[in-house]
């Protein structure tokens, strides 16, 4: 019976470590899944911000194009339409 005790203890130790390995694998999967979800969320937020900025920039670009066209016209239309253009 003296020999049975060390073997039983060895089995218990192996069982405890196997449960720990299982727990750590589960924990790793859960954290990786959470990290990937956070990455997707941040990516969506960034995309939304970029779209919003683009929407804000487009009217400014349109105004710049209008001013450039009026300046290229080589007449006084730019000066005549200056206030209207700036108000846009």
C-alpha atoms as a PDB file:
ATOM      1  CA  UNK A   1       0.000   0.000   0.000  1.00  0.00           C
ATOM      2  CA  UNK A   2       2.966   2.329   0.388  1.00  0.00           C
ATOM      3  CA  UNK A   3       3.541   2.235  -3.356  1.00  0.00           C
ATOM      4  CA  UNK A   4      -0.075   3.065  -4.164  1.00  0.00           C
ATOM      5  CA  UNK A   5       0.085   6.408  -2.432  1.00  0.00           C
ATOM      6  CA  UNK A   6       2.839   7.935  -4.638  1.00  0.00           C
ATOM      7  CA  UNK A   7       1.049   6.740  -7.792  1.00  0.00           C
ATOM      8  CA  UNK A   8      -2.238   8.172  -6.593  1.00  0.00           C
ATOM      9  CA  UNK A   9      -0.503  11.446  -5.729  1.00  0.00           C
ATOM     10  CA  UNK A  10       1.130  11.474  -9.173  1.00  0.00           C
ATOM     11  CA  UNK A  11      -2.286  10.943 -10.823  1.00  0.00           C
ATOM     12  CA  UNK A  12      -3.793  13.721  -8.729  1.00  0.00           C
ATOM     13  CA  UNK A  13      -0.985  16.075  -9.699  1.00  0.00           C
ATOM     14  CA  UNK A  14      -1.379  15.212 -13.381  1.00  0.00           C
ATOM     15  CA  UNK A  15      -5.144  15.670 -13.102  1.00  0.00           C
ATOM     16  CA  UNK A  16      -4.745  19.099 -11.472  1.00  0.00           C
ATOM     17  CA  UNK A  17      -2.289  20.208 -14.149  1.00  0.00           C
ATOM     18  CA  UNK A  18      -4.540  18.930 -16.932  1.00  0.00           C
ATOM     19  CA  UNK A  19      -7.446  20.925 -15.494  1.00  0.00           C
ATOM     20  CA  UNK A  20      -5.184  23.982 -15.301  1.00  0.00           C
ATOM     21  CA  UNK A  21      -4.127  23.512 -18.945  1.00  0.00           C
ATOM     22  CA  UNK A  22      -7.773  23.194 -19.962  1.00  0.00           C
ATOM     23  CA  UNK A  23      -8.663  26.331 -17.993  1.00  0.00           C
ATOM     24  CA  UNK A  24      -5.790  28.267 -19.561  1.00  0.00           C
ATOM     25  CA  UNK A  25      -6.777  27.165 -23.083  1.00  0.00           C
ATOM     26  CA  UNK A  26     -10.359  28.284 -22.442  1.00  0.00           C
ATOM     27  CA  UNK A  27      -9.158  31.579 -20.986  1.00  0.00           C
ATOM     28  CA  UNK A  28      -6.842  32.143 -23.955  1.00  0.00           C
ATOM     29  CA  UNK A  29      -9.681  31.532 -26.417  1.00  0.00           C
ATOM     30  CA  UNK A  30     -12.000  33.871 -24.533  1.00  0.00           C
ATOM     31  CA  UNK A  31      -9.438  36.668 -24.434  1.00  0.00           C
ATOM     32  CA  UNK A  32      -8.511  36.282 -28.096  1.00  0.00           C
ATOM     33  CA  UNK A  33     -12.192  36.345 -29.054  1.00  0.00           C
ATOM     34  CA  UNK A  34     -12.735  39.494 -26.972  1.00  0.00           C
ATOM     35  CA  UNK A  35      -9.666  41.104 -28.539  1.00  0.00           C
ATOM     36  CA  UNK A  36     -10.888  40.350 -32.064  1.00  0.00           C
ATOM     37  CA  UNK A  37     -14.315  41.796 -31.252  1.00  0.00           C
ATOM     38  CA  UNK A  38     -12.715  44.929 -29.829  1.00  0.00           C
ATOM     39  CA  UNK A  39     -10.591  45.230 -32.974  1.00  0.00           C
ATOM     40  CA  UNK A  40     -13.709  44.963 -35.186  1.00  0.00           C
ATOM     41  CA  UNK A  41     -15.519  47.548 -33.081  1.00  0.00           C
ATOM     42  CA  UNK A  42     -12.630  50.018 -33.246  1.00  0.00           C
ATOM     43  CA  UNK A  43     -12.293  49.429 -36.969  1.00  0.00           C
ATOM     44  CA  UNK A  44     -16.000  50.208 -37.473  1.00  0.00           C
ATOM     45  CA  UNK A  45     -15.695  53.357 -35.351  1.00  0.00           C
ATOM     46  CA  UNK A  46     -12.671  54.496 -37.328  1.00  0.00           C
ATOM     47  CA  UNK A  47     -14.461  53.847 -40.614  1.00  0.00           C
ATOM     48  CA  UNK A  48     -17.461  55.861 -39.404  1.00  0.00           C
ATOM     49  CA  UNK A  49     -15.200  58.751 -38.391  1.00  0.00           C
ATOM     50  CA  UNK A  50     -13.458  58.702 -41.768  1.00  0.00           C
ATOM     51  CA  UNK A  51     -16.824  58.773 -43.572  1.00  0.00           C
ATOM     52  CA  UNK A  52     -18.004  61.673 -41.417  1.00  0.00           C
ATOM     53  CA  UNK A  53     -14.823  63.644 -42.079  1.00  0.00           C
ATOM     54  CA  UNK A  54     -15.145  62.945 -45.801  1.00  0.00           C
ATOM     55  CA  UNK A  55     -18.711  64.283 -45.720  1.00  0.00           C
ATOM     56  CA  UNK A  56     -17.470  67.428 -44.006  1.00  0.00           C
ATOM     57  CA  UNK A  57     -14.597  67.869 -46.457  1.00  0.00           C
ATOM     58  CA  UNK A  58     -16.626  67.469 -49.661  1.00  0.00           C
ATOM     59  CA  UNK A  59     -18.453  70.825 -49.414  1.00  0.00           C
ATOM     60  CA  UNK A  60     -15.133  72.571 -48.776  1.00  0.00           C
ATOM     61  CA  UNK A  61     -13.617  70.885 -51.838  1.00  0.00           C
ATOM     62  CA  UNK A  62     -16.634  71.927 -53.917  1.00  0.00           C
ATOM     63  CA  UNK A  63     -16.163  75.532 -52.789  1.00  0.00           C
ATOM     64  CA  UNK A  64     -12.471  75.402 -53.658  1.00  0.00           C
ATOM     65  CA  UNK A  65     -13.267  74.029 -57.126  1.00  0.00           C
ATOM     66  CA  UNK A  66     -15.833  76.774 -57.673  1.00  0.00           C
ATOM     67  CA  UNK A  67     -13.358  79.461 -56.638  1.00  0.00           C
ATOM     68  CA  UNK A  68     -10.668  77.975 -58.902  1.00  0.00           C
ATOM     69  CA  UNK A  69     -13.068  77.932 -61.854  1.00  0.00           C
ATOM     70  CA  UNK A  70     -14.093  81.522 -61.238  1.00  0.00           C
ATOM     71  CA  UNK A  71     -10.456  82.585 -60.942  1.00  0.00           C
ATOM     72  CA  UNK A  72      -9.635  80.860 -64.229  1.00  0.00           C
ATOM     73  CA  UNK A  73     -12.474  82.682 -65.958  1.00  0.00           C
ATOM     74  CA  UNK A  74     -10.244  85.764 -66.090  1.00  0.00           C
ATOM     75  CA  UNK A  75     -13.055  88.196 -65.558  1.00  0.00           C
ATOM     76  CA  UNK A  76     -14.670  89.905 -62.647  1.00  0.00           C
ATOM     77  CA  UNK A  77     -17.226  87.152 -61.975  1.00  0.00           C
ATOM     78  CA  UNK A  78     -15.129  85.956 -59.060  1.00  0.00           C
ATOM     79  CA  UNK A  79     -15.336  89.318 -57.384  1.00  0.00           C
ATOM     80  CA  UNK A  80     -19.036  89.614 -58.181  1.00  0.00           C
ATOM     81  CA  UNK A  81     -19.797  86.144 -56.752  1.00  0.00           C
ATOM     82  CA  UNK A  82     -17.289  86.260 -53.895  1.00  0.00           C
ATOM     83  CA  UNK A  83     -19.820  86.789 -51.105  1.00  0.00           C
ATOM     84  CA  UNK A  84     -22.131  84.052 -52.446  1.00  0.00           C
ATOM     85  CA  UNK A  85     -19.221  81.643 -52.788  1.00  0.00           C
ATOM     86  CA  UNK A  86     -17.936  82.324 -49.277  1.00  0.00           C
ATOM     87  CA  UNK A  87     -21.436  81.950 -47.804  1.00  0.00           C
ATOM     88  CA  UNK A  88     -21.626  78.429 -49.235  1.00  0.00           C
END
